[in-house]
N, C-alpha and C. Protein backbone atom coordinates (compact mmCIF):
# COMPACT_ATOMS: atom_id res chain seq x y z
N UNK A 1 0.82 -1.18 0.00
CA UNK A 1 0.00 0.00 0.00
C UNK A 1 0.88 1.25 0.00
N UNK A 2 1.93 1.29 0.76
CA UNK A 2 2.82 2.44 0.81
C UNK A 2 3.47 2.65 -0.55
N UNK A 3 3.69 1.50 -1.23
CA UNK A 3 4.29 1.61 -2.53
C UNK A 3 3.36 2.28 -3.52
N UNK A 4 2.08 1.96 -3.47
CA UNK A 4 1.09 2.57 -4.35
C UNK A 4 0.97 4.07 -4.07
N UNK A 5 1.01 4.45 -2.82
CA UNK A 5 0.92 5.87 -2.44
C UNK A 5 2.14 6.61 -2.94
N UNK A 6 3.29 5.98 -2.82
CA UNK A 6 4.52 6.60 -3.28
C UNK A 6 4.52 6.79 -4.79
N UNK A 7 4.11 5.78 -5.53
CA UNK A 7 4.04 5.88 -6.99
C UNK A 7 3.00 6.92 -7.40
N UNK A 8 1.81 6.88 -6.75
CA UNK A 8 0.77 7.85 -7.05
C UNK A 8 1.27 9.27 -6.77
N UNK A 9 1.98 9.52 -5.67
CA UNK A 9 2.54 10.84 -5.33
C UNK A 9 3.59 11.28 -6.32
N UNK A 10 4.44 10.32 -6.76
CA UNK A 10 5.48 10.64 -7.73
C UNK A 10 4.87 11.02 -9.07
N UNK A 11 3.88 10.29 -9.53
CA UNK A 11 3.21 10.61 -10.79
C UNK A 11 2.52 11.97 -10.68
N UNK A 12 1.89 12.23 -9.54
CA UNK A 12 1.23 13.55 -9.34
C UNK A 12 2.23 14.69 -9.36
N UNK A 13 3.40 14.46 -8.73
CA UNK A 13 4.44 15.50 -8.72
C UNK A 13 4.98 15.77 -10.11
N UNK A 14 5.18 14.70 -10.90
CA UNK A 14 5.66 14.86 -12.28
C UNK A 14 4.62 15.59 -13.11
N UNK A 15 3.35 15.24 -12.92
CA UNK A 15 2.27 15.90 -13.64
C UNK A 15 2.19 17.39 -13.29
N UNK A 16 2.31 17.71 -12.04
CA UNK A 16 2.29 19.12 -11.61
C UNK A 16 3.50 19.86 -12.15
N UNK A 17 4.67 19.22 -12.14
CA UNK A 17 5.88 19.86 -12.69
C UNK A 17 5.72 20.10 -14.18
N UNK A 18 5.13 19.15 -14.91
CA UNK A 18 4.91 19.31 -16.35
C UNK A 18 3.95 20.46 -16.62
N UNK A 19 2.89 20.55 -15.83
CA UNK A 19 1.93 21.65 -16.01
C UNK A 19 2.59 23.01 -15.70
N UNK A 20 3.38 23.06 -14.68
CA UNK A 20 4.08 24.31 -14.34
C UNK A 20 5.06 24.69 -15.45
N UNK A 21 5.73 23.69 -16.00
CA UNK A 21 6.70 23.97 -17.06
C UNK A 21 6.00 24.50 -18.32
N UNK A 22 4.88 23.90 -18.69
CA UNK A 22 4.13 24.38 -19.86
C UNK A 22 3.57 25.77 -19.60
N UNK A 23 3.12 26.03 -18.39
CA UNK A 23 2.62 27.38 -18.05
C UNK A 23 3.76 28.39 -18.14
N UNK A 24 4.93 28.03 -17.67
CA UNK A 24 6.12 28.89 -17.74
C UNK A 24 6.48 29.15 -19.19
N UNK A 25 6.50 28.10 -20.02
CA UNK A 25 6.82 28.25 -21.43
C UNK A 25 5.82 29.18 -22.11
N UNK A 26 4.53 29.00 -21.81
CA UNK A 26 3.50 29.85 -22.40
C UNK A 26 3.72 31.31 -21.96
N UNK A 27 4.04 31.51 -20.71
CA UNK A 27 4.25 32.87 -20.19
C UNK A 27 5.46 33.53 -20.84
N UNK A 28 6.55 32.79 -20.97
CA UNK A 28 7.76 33.35 -21.56
C UNK A 28 7.56 33.64 -23.04
N UNK A 29 6.94 32.75 -23.75
CA UNK A 29 6.73 32.95 -25.20
C UNK A 29 5.72 34.06 -25.44
N UNK A 30 4.66 34.08 -24.70
CA UNK A 30 3.59 35.06 -24.92
C UNK A 30 4.03 36.47 -24.52
N UNK A 31 4.76 36.62 -23.46
CA UNK A 31 5.12 37.94 -22.94
C UNK A 31 6.64 38.18 -22.96
N UNK A 32 7.34 37.62 -23.89
CA UNK A 32 8.80 37.72 -23.91
C UNK A 32 9.27 39.17 -24.12
N UNK A 33 8.63 39.92 -24.98
CA UNK A 33 9.06 41.30 -25.23
C UNK A 33 8.87 42.16 -23.97
N UNK A 34 7.78 41.96 -23.28
CA UNK A 34 7.55 42.73 -22.05
C UNK A 34 8.57 42.37 -20.98
N UNK A 35 8.91 41.10 -20.90
CA UNK A 35 9.90 40.66 -19.90
C UNK A 35 11.27 41.23 -20.23
N UNK A 36 11.66 41.16 -21.52
CA UNK A 36 12.95 41.71 -21.92
C UNK A 36 13.00 43.23 -21.69
N UNK A 37 11.91 43.90 -22.01
CA UNK A 37 11.83 45.35 -21.78
C UNK A 37 11.97 45.70 -20.31
N UNK A 38 11.31 44.93 -19.45
CA UNK A 38 11.39 45.17 -18.02
C UNK A 38 12.80 44.91 -17.50
N UNK A 39 13.44 43.85 -17.99
CA UNK A 39 14.81 43.56 -17.57
C UNK A 39 15.77 44.66 -18.01
N UNK A 40 15.63 45.14 -19.25
CA UNK A 40 16.50 46.22 -19.74
C UNK A 40 16.25 47.50 -18.94
N UNK A 41 14.99 47.80 -18.66
CA UNK A 41 14.67 49.00 -17.88
C UNK A 41 15.27 48.91 -16.48
N UNK A 42 15.19 47.75 -15.87
CA UNK A 42 15.75 47.58 -14.53
C UNK A 42 17.27 47.72 -14.55
N UNK A 43 17.91 47.18 -15.59
CA UNK A 43 19.38 47.30 -15.69
C UNK A 43 19.78 48.75 -15.87
N UNK A 44 19.09 49.47 -16.77
CA UNK A 44 19.45 50.88 -17.00
C UNK A 44 19.13 51.75 -15.78
N UNK A 45 18.06 51.43 -15.06
CA UNK A 45 17.76 52.19 -13.85
C UNK A 45 18.85 51.99 -12.80
N UNK A 46 19.27 50.77 -12.62
CA UNK A 46 20.33 50.49 -11.65
C UNK A 46 21.64 51.15 -12.09
N UNK A 47 21.96 51.08 -13.38
CA UNK A 47 23.16 51.73 -13.90
C UNK A 47 23.10 53.24 -13.72
N UNK A 48 21.94 53.84 -13.97
CA UNK A 48 21.77 55.28 -13.80
C UNK A 48 21.94 55.71 -12.35
N UNK A 49 21.37 54.96 -11.43
CA UNK A 49 21.51 55.28 -10.01
C UNK A 49 22.96 55.15 -9.58
N UNK A 50 23.62 54.09 -9.99
CA UNK A 50 25.03 53.90 -9.64
C UNK A 50 25.89 55.00 -10.21
N UNK A 51 25.69 55.35 -11.48
CA UNK A 51 26.47 56.39 -12.12
C UNK A 51 26.21 57.76 -11.47
N UNK A 52 24.96 58.02 -11.14
CA UNK A 52 24.63 59.28 -10.46
C UNK A 52 25.31 59.41 -9.11
N UNK A 53 25.35 58.34 -8.36
CA UNK A 53 26.02 58.36 -7.05
C UNK A 53 27.51 58.57 -7.23
N UNK A 54 28.11 57.90 -8.19
CA UNK A 54 29.55 58.04 -8.42
C UNK A 54 29.91 59.45 -8.86
N UNK A 55 29.17 60.01 -9.79
CA UNK A 55 29.48 61.36 -10.27
C UNK A 55 29.20 62.42 -9.22
N UNK A 56 28.17 62.25 -8.46
CA UNK A 56 27.79 63.23 -7.44
C UNK A 56 28.78 63.25 -6.28
N UNK A 57 29.24 62.08 -5.88
CA UNK A 57 30.12 62.02 -4.70
C UNK A 57 31.50 62.56 -5.01
N UNK A 58 31.96 62.48 -6.24
CA UNK A 58 33.31 62.95 -6.54
C UNK A 58 33.39 64.47 -6.58
N UNK A 59 32.29 65.17 -6.77
CA UNK A 59 32.30 66.63 -6.85
C UNK A 59 32.22 67.30 -5.48
N UNK A 60 31.84 66.61 -4.48
CA UNK A 60 31.70 67.22 -3.17
C UNK A 60 33.01 67.08 -2.40
N UNK A 61 33.79 68.14 -2.45
CA UNK A 61 35.03 68.16 -1.70
C UNK A 61 35.01 69.42 -0.83
N UNK A 62 35.27 69.24 0.41
CA UNK A 62 35.30 70.35 1.35
C UNK A 62 36.75 70.65 1.66
N UNK A 63 37.14 71.87 1.37
CA UNK A 63 38.51 72.30 1.63
C UNK A 63 38.45 73.37 2.70
N UNK A 64 39.15 73.15 3.78
CA UNK A 64 39.20 74.10 4.87
C UNK A 64 40.55 74.79 4.82
N UNK A 65 40.50 76.11 4.69
CA UNK A 65 41.74 76.86 4.61
C UNK A 65 41.58 78.08 5.51
N UNK A 66 42.51 78.24 6.40
CA UNK A 66 42.47 79.38 7.30
C UNK A 66 43.18 80.56 6.66
N UNK A 67 42.50 81.67 6.67
CA UNK A 67 43.06 82.89 6.10
C UNK A 67 43.04 83.95 7.19
N UNK A 68 44.17 84.56 7.40
CA UNK A 68 44.21 85.62 8.40
C UNK A 68 43.65 86.89 7.78
N UNK A 69 42.72 87.49 8.49
CA UNK A 69 42.08 88.70 8.01
C UNK A 69 42.67 89.87 8.81
N UNK A 70 43.22 90.83 8.09
CA UNK A 70 43.79 91.96 8.83
C UNK A 70 42.69 92.76 9.51
N UNK A 71 42.96 93.17 10.72
CA UNK A 71 41.98 93.97 11.43
C UNK A 71 42.03 95.39 10.89
N UNK A 72 40.85 95.95 10.76
CA UNK A 72 40.77 97.30 10.23
C UNK A 72 41.17 98.30 11.30
N UNK A 73 42.01 99.20 10.89
CA UNK A 73 42.40 100.26 11.78
C UNK A 73 41.42 101.41 11.59
N UNK A 74 41.14 102.16 12.62
CA UNK A 74 40.22 103.28 12.44
C UNK A 74 40.83 104.31 11.48
N UNK A 75 39.95 104.94 10.72
CA UNK A 75 40.39 105.92 9.72
C UNK A 75 40.99 107.14 10.41
N UNK A 76 42.15 107.55 9.92
CA UNK A 76 42.81 108.76 10.42
C UNK A 76 42.98 109.70 9.23
N UNK A 77 42.43 110.87 9.34
CA UNK A 77 42.49 111.86 8.27
C UNK A 77 43.93 112.34 8.09
N UNK A 78 44.37 112.43 6.86
CA UNK A 78 45.70 112.92 6.53
C UNK A 78 45.65 114.45 6.51
N UNK A 79 45.85 115.03 7.67
CA UNK A 79 45.76 116.50 7.82
C UNK A 79 46.82 117.21 7.00
N UNK A 80 47.97 116.60 6.88
CA UNK A 80 49.05 117.26 6.13
C UNK A 80 48.67 117.40 4.66
N UNK A 81 48.11 116.32 4.09
CA UNK A 81 47.70 116.36 2.68
C UNK A 81 46.54 117.33 2.49
N UNK A 82 45.62 117.37 3.47
CA UNK A 82 44.49 118.30 3.39
C UNK A 82 45.01 119.73 3.38
N UNK A 83 45.98 120.00 4.22
CA UNK A 83 46.56 121.34 4.28
C UNK A 83 47.33 121.69 3.01
N UNK A 84 48.05 120.70 2.47
CA UNK A 84 48.81 120.94 1.23
C UNK A 84 47.87 121.26 0.06
N UNK A 85 46.74 120.56 0.02
CA UNK A 85 45.79 120.80 -1.07
C UNK A 85 44.95 122.05 -0.83
N UNK A 86 44.86 122.48 0.41
CA UNK A 86 44.07 123.66 0.75
C UNK A 86 42.59 123.39 0.82
N UNK A 87 42.23 122.17 1.13
CA UNK A 87 40.81 121.81 1.23
C UNK A 87 40.29 122.20 2.61
N UNK A 88 39.18 122.97 2.63
CA UNK A 88 38.59 123.42 3.91
C UNK A 88 37.80 122.28 4.54
N UNK A 89 37.44 122.50 5.79
CA UNK A 89 36.65 121.49 6.52
C UNK A 89 35.30 121.29 5.83
N UNK A 90 34.67 122.36 5.36
CA UNK A 90 33.36 122.26 4.73
C UNK A 90 33.46 121.51 3.40
N UNK A 91 34.51 121.76 2.64
CA UNK A 91 34.70 121.04 1.38
C UNK A 91 34.94 119.55 1.64
N UNK A 92 35.68 119.26 2.69
CA UNK A 92 35.92 117.86 3.06
C UNK A 92 34.62 117.19 3.50
N UNK A 93 33.80 117.92 4.25
CA UNK A 93 32.51 117.39 4.69
C UNK A 93 31.62 117.08 3.49
N UNK A 94 31.60 117.96 2.52
CA UNK A 94 30.79 117.74 1.32
C UNK A 94 31.36 116.58 0.51
N UNK A 95 32.66 116.47 0.46
CA UNK A 95 33.30 115.36 -0.24
C UNK A 95 32.94 114.01 0.42
N UNK A 96 32.87 114.00 1.73
CA UNK A 96 32.45 112.78 2.44
C UNK A 96 31.01 112.42 2.10
N UNK A 97 30.15 113.41 2.01
CA UNK A 97 28.74 113.14 1.68
C UNK A 97 28.61 112.68 0.22
N UNK A 98 29.44 113.20 -0.65
CA UNK A 98 29.44 112.74 -2.04
C UNK A 98 29.87 111.27 -2.07
N UNK A 99 30.86 110.94 -1.27
CA UNK A 99 31.34 109.55 -1.21
C UNK A 99 30.26 108.60 -0.71
N UNK A 100 29.33 109.12 0.08
CA UNK A 100 28.22 108.30 0.58
C UNK A 100 27.13 108.15 -0.48
N UNK A 101 27.29 108.85 -1.63
CA UNK A 101 26.34 108.71 -2.72
C UNK A 101 25.21 109.72 -2.70
N UNK A 102 25.36 110.77 -1.96
CA UNK A 102 24.30 111.77 -1.87
C UNK A 102 24.37 112.74 -3.04
N UNK A 103 23.19 113.22 -3.46
CA UNK A 103 23.13 114.21 -4.54
C UNK A 103 23.33 115.61 -3.93
N UNK A 104 23.49 116.60 -4.81
CA UNK A 104 23.65 117.98 -4.32
C UNK A 104 22.44 118.42 -3.52
N UNK A 105 21.27 118.05 -3.98
CA UNK A 105 20.03 118.44 -3.27
C UNK A 105 19.99 117.80 -1.88
N UNK A 106 20.37 116.51 -1.78
CA UNK A 106 20.37 115.83 -0.47
C UNK A 106 21.42 116.44 0.45
N UNK A 107 22.58 116.78 -0.09
CA UNK A 107 23.63 117.40 0.73
C UNK A 107 23.16 118.75 1.23
N UNK A 108 22.52 119.54 0.36
CA UNK A 108 22.01 120.85 0.76
C UNK A 108 20.98 120.72 1.87
N UNK A 109 20.11 119.74 1.76
CA UNK A 109 19.10 119.52 2.80
C UNK A 109 19.71 119.09 4.12
N UNK A 110 20.74 118.28 4.05
CA UNK A 110 21.37 117.79 5.27
C UNK A 110 22.16 118.88 5.99
N UNK A 111 22.84 119.74 5.21
CA UNK A 111 23.69 120.78 5.80
C UNK A 111 22.97 122.12 5.97
N UNK A 112 21.72 122.18 5.57
CA UNK A 112 20.90 123.40 5.67
C UNK A 112 21.55 124.57 4.91
N UNK A 113 21.99 124.29 3.68
CA UNK A 113 22.53 125.33 2.81
C UNK A 113 21.84 125.18 1.46
N UNK A 114 22.05 126.14 0.56
CA UNK A 114 21.43 126.07 -0.75
C UNK A 114 22.22 125.12 -1.65
N UNK A 115 21.57 124.71 -2.74
CA UNK A 115 22.25 123.84 -3.69
C UNK A 115 23.42 124.56 -4.35
N UNK A 116 23.27 125.86 -4.58
CA UNK A 116 24.35 126.63 -5.19
C UNK A 116 25.58 126.64 -4.29
N UNK A 117 25.38 126.69 -2.98
CA UNK A 117 26.51 126.65 -2.05
C UNK A 117 27.21 125.30 -2.14
N UNK A 118 26.43 124.24 -2.23
CA UNK A 118 27.00 122.89 -2.35
C UNK A 118 27.79 122.79 -3.66
N UNK A 119 27.21 123.32 -4.75
CA UNK A 119 27.89 123.27 -6.04
C UNK A 119 29.20 124.05 -5.99
N UNK A 120 29.21 125.17 -5.29
CA UNK A 120 30.43 125.97 -5.18
C UNK A 120 31.51 125.20 -4.42
N UNK A 121 31.14 124.61 -3.28
CA UNK A 121 32.10 123.82 -2.50
C UNK A 121 32.60 122.62 -3.30
N UNK A 122 31.70 121.96 -4.04
CA UNK A 122 32.10 120.82 -4.87
C UNK A 122 33.11 121.27 -5.92
N UNK A 123 32.79 122.34 -6.60
CA UNK A 123 33.67 122.85 -7.65
C UNK A 123 35.06 123.17 -7.12
N UNK A 124 35.12 123.84 -5.97
CA UNK A 124 36.41 124.18 -5.38
C UNK A 124 37.19 122.94 -4.95
N UNK A 125 36.48 121.97 -4.36
CA UNK A 125 37.14 120.73 -3.94
C UNK A 125 37.66 119.96 -5.15
N UNK A 126 36.85 119.93 -6.22
CA UNK A 126 37.28 119.23 -7.43
C UNK A 126 38.53 119.89 -8.01
N UNK A 127 38.55 121.22 -8.04
CA UNK A 127 39.72 121.94 -8.56
C UNK A 127 40.97 121.64 -7.73
N UNK A 128 40.82 121.63 -6.41
CA UNK A 128 41.96 121.40 -5.53
C UNK A 128 42.48 119.97 -5.65
N UNK A 129 41.56 119.02 -5.90
CA UNK A 129 41.96 117.63 -6.05
C UNK A 129 42.42 117.32 -7.48
N UNK A 130 42.03 118.16 -8.42
CA UNK A 130 42.36 117.90 -9.82
C UNK A 130 41.41 116.90 -10.44
N UNK A 131 40.16 116.88 -9.97
CA UNK A 131 39.17 115.93 -10.46
C UNK A 131 38.18 116.61 -11.39
N UNK A 132 37.66 115.85 -12.32
CA UNK A 132 36.66 116.38 -13.25
C UNK A 132 35.26 115.87 -12.94
N UNK A 133 35.17 114.76 -12.26
CA UNK A 133 33.88 114.14 -11.95
C UNK A 133 33.81 113.79 -10.47
N UNK A 134 32.59 113.54 -10.02
CA UNK A 134 32.37 113.19 -8.60
C UNK A 134 33.10 111.90 -8.24
N UNK A 135 32.99 110.89 -9.11
CA UNK A 135 33.63 109.61 -8.81
C UNK A 135 35.15 109.75 -8.75
N UNK A 136 35.68 110.56 -9.64
CA UNK A 136 37.13 110.78 -9.64
C UNK A 136 37.55 111.51 -8.37
N UNK A 137 36.72 112.47 -7.91
CA UNK A 137 37.04 113.20 -6.68
C UNK A 137 37.05 112.27 -5.48
N UNK A 138 36.08 111.35 -5.42
CA UNK A 138 36.02 110.39 -4.31
C UNK A 138 37.24 109.47 -4.36
N UNK A 139 37.59 109.00 -5.55
CA UNK A 139 38.75 108.12 -5.68
C UNK A 139 40.03 108.83 -5.24
N UNK A 140 40.21 110.06 -5.68
CA UNK A 140 41.40 110.81 -5.28
C UNK A 140 41.40 111.10 -3.78
N UNK A 141 40.22 111.39 -3.24
CA UNK A 141 40.12 111.62 -1.80
C UNK A 141 40.55 110.41 -1.00
N UNK A 142 40.20 109.21 -1.47
CA UNK A 142 40.62 107.98 -0.79
C UNK A 142 42.11 107.75 -0.94
N UNK A 143 42.64 108.03 -2.14
CA UNK A 143 44.07 107.84 -2.36
C UNK A 143 44.92 108.80 -1.52
N UNK A 144 44.43 110.02 -1.32
CA UNK A 144 45.16 111.02 -0.56
C UNK A 144 44.98 110.87 0.95
N UNK A 145 44.10 109.96 1.37
CA UNK A 145 43.88 109.76 2.80
C UNK A 145 42.91 110.75 3.39
N UNK A 146 42.08 111.35 2.54
CA UNK A 146 41.08 112.31 3.02
C UNK A 146 39.75 111.62 3.31
N UNK A 147 39.52 110.48 2.72
CA UNK A 147 38.28 109.71 2.92
C UNK A 147 38.63 108.29 3.32
N UNK A 148 37.79 107.66 4.14
CA UNK A 148 38.06 106.26 4.51
C UNK A 148 37.84 105.35 3.30
N UNK A 149 38.64 104.30 3.22
CA UNK A 149 38.53 103.37 2.08
C UNK A 149 37.43 102.38 2.27
């Protein structure tokens, strides 16, 4: 009796294996293009992720470099140069306001003088510095030590 059960079980197992094999063959033949497409997509996705990680990690480099920063000294007006050029305190004050980017009208309002007075002081300061424009006057003022850099 055990022998009959064993033979019956073996035949059943072979029959089930044959059915599974035919089902597998049908699946592979019927859907082979979809399976190949999915395999290629999975390979390219894995390759893309790997390549992205490799390229991204090589660009991130942190370099630490200590740089000594000179401490700023407080501005000291070059009185000797101011005296040599003959620039008055008021002309220097207007030159400082020009360096701050103020217009003649704003300077006049701040100092409570007319615009013509500001223009006169500007003209005299420009002549003494040898400047033709406001920007040139500010640059020369910084070079001569009359304005902070």
